[in-house]
Protein backbone atom coordinates (compact mmCIF):
# COMPACT_ATOMS: atom_id res chain seq x y z
CA LYS A 1 -56.88 27.97 -47.08
CA GLU A 2 -55.04 29.74 -49.90
CA ASN A 3 -51.91 27.61 -49.37
CA LYS A 4 -54.07 24.51 -49.62
CA ASN A 5 -55.53 25.70 -52.95
CA GLU A 6 -52.05 26.44 -54.30
CA PHE A 7 -50.98 22.93 -53.37
CA TRP A 8 -53.84 21.37 -55.35
CA LYS A 9 -53.31 23.67 -58.35
CA SER A 10 -49.69 22.54 -58.64
CA PHE A 11 -50.71 18.95 -58.03
CA ILE A 12 -53.00 18.95 -61.08
CA LYS A 13 -50.27 20.18 -63.47
CA ARG A 14 -48.62 16.79 -63.76
CA ASN A 15 -47.07 16.74 -67.20
CA LEU A 16 -43.53 15.53 -66.61
CA ILE A 17 -41.63 12.29 -66.62
CA THR A 18 -38.73 12.37 -64.18
CA SER A 19 -35.80 10.02 -63.79
CA PHE A 20 -34.20 10.27 -60.37
CA ARG A 21 -31.26 8.04 -61.36
CA GLY A 22 -28.12 9.09 -63.18
CA PRO A 23 -27.87 8.43 -66.92
CA SER A 24 -26.33 5.00 -67.21
CA PRO A 25 -27.10 2.05 -69.55
CA LEU A 26 -28.26 0.16 -66.47
CA TYR A 27 -31.32 2.43 -66.12
CA ARG A 28 -32.32 2.27 -69.82
CA ILE A 29 -33.00 6.00 -70.07
CA LYS A 30 -32.31 5.86 -73.83
CA GLU A 31 -35.21 3.43 -74.30
CA ILE A 32 -37.49 5.72 -72.31
CA LEU A 33 -36.55 8.70 -74.51
CA LYS A 34 -36.99 6.68 -77.72
CA THR A 35 -40.40 5.41 -76.63
CA ARG A 36 -41.52 8.90 -75.64
CA ASN A 37 -40.38 10.24 -79.03
CA GLN A 38 -42.39 7.58 -80.87
CA ASN A 39 -45.56 7.80 -78.78
CA ASN A 40 -45.88 11.24 -77.22
CA PRO A 41 -43.10 13.66 -78.16
CA GLY A 42 -44.77 16.50 -76.23
CA PHE A 43 -43.90 15.03 -72.84
CA ARG A 44 -40.93 16.68 -71.21
CA ILE A 45 -38.50 14.43 -69.37
CA ASN A 46 -36.29 15.59 -66.50
CA ILE A 47 -33.22 13.52 -65.81
CA PHE A 48 -31.25 14.02 -62.62
CA GLN A 49 -27.60 13.27 -63.07
CA PRO A 50 -25.74 12.99 -59.81
CA PHE A 51 -23.39 10.90 -61.98
CA HIS A 52 -23.30 9.81 -65.60
CA ASP A 53 -21.47 7.67 -68.09
CA GLU A 54 -20.03 10.19 -70.57
CA ASP A 55 -20.52 8.00 -73.68
CA TYR A 56 -24.08 7.06 -72.72
CA PHE A 57 -24.87 10.67 -71.84
CA SER A 58 -23.78 11.75 -75.35
CA THR A 59 -26.12 9.13 -76.82
CA LEU A 60 -29.02 10.44 -74.71
CA LYS A 61 -28.53 13.94 -76.08
CA ASN A 62 -29.30 12.54 -79.56
CA TYR A 63 -32.73 11.37 -78.35
CA SER A 64 -33.63 14.35 -76.20
CA ILE A 65 -35.94 17.15 -77.30
CA TYR A 66 -35.70 20.88 -76.64
CA SER A 67 -37.80 20.74 -73.46
CA ASP A 68 -35.96 17.84 -71.78
CA LYS A 69 -33.79 18.87 -68.87
CA PHE A 70 -30.65 17.22 -67.57
CA LEU A 71 -30.36 18.31 -63.95
CA GLY A 72 -27.54 17.98 -61.47
CA GLY A 73 -28.20 18.25 -57.77
CA ILE A 74 -31.05 20.51 -56.69
CA GLU A 75 -32.33 21.96 -53.43
CA LYS A 76 -34.77 19.81 -51.45
CA LYS A 77 -37.70 22.25 -51.88
CA ASP A 78 -37.15 22.28 -55.67
CA TYR A 79 -36.97 18.48 -55.64
CA TYR A 80 -40.37 18.30 -53.91
CA LYS A 81 -41.91 20.87 -56.27
CA LEU A 82 -40.67 18.90 -59.26
CA SER A 83 -42.04 15.71 -57.72
CA LEU A 84 -45.49 17.30 -57.49
CA GLU A 85 -45.38 18.16 -61.21
CA THR A 86 -44.29 14.67 -62.19
CA MET A 87 -46.81 12.29 -63.66
CA LEU A 88 -44.42 9.35 -64.00
CA VAL A 89 -41.28 8.71 -61.98
CA VAL A 90 -38.48 6.46 -63.21
CA PHE A 91 -36.64 5.18 -60.19
CA ILE A 92 -34.85 1.85 -60.32
CA SER A 93 -33.17 0.70 -57.14
């Protein structure tokens, strides 16, 4: 029962936006950061970067805030934990 309660506690703490695609102009991450900055600058954004365009990545850094995280590859259990904390997922296929 305690494990079940822990699951729901973590489930309620959804306060992240997460992009599971690498920073590239194709995925319009810059526009997401700009819009967040204008409308709700308190939302942290996690951006996975299994790859990235170096020039575009430099541009993104100009729009990021102190709590944004640019992540490389992570372990599967950490990926699932982060998914549970995510309120909005940006995933363009």
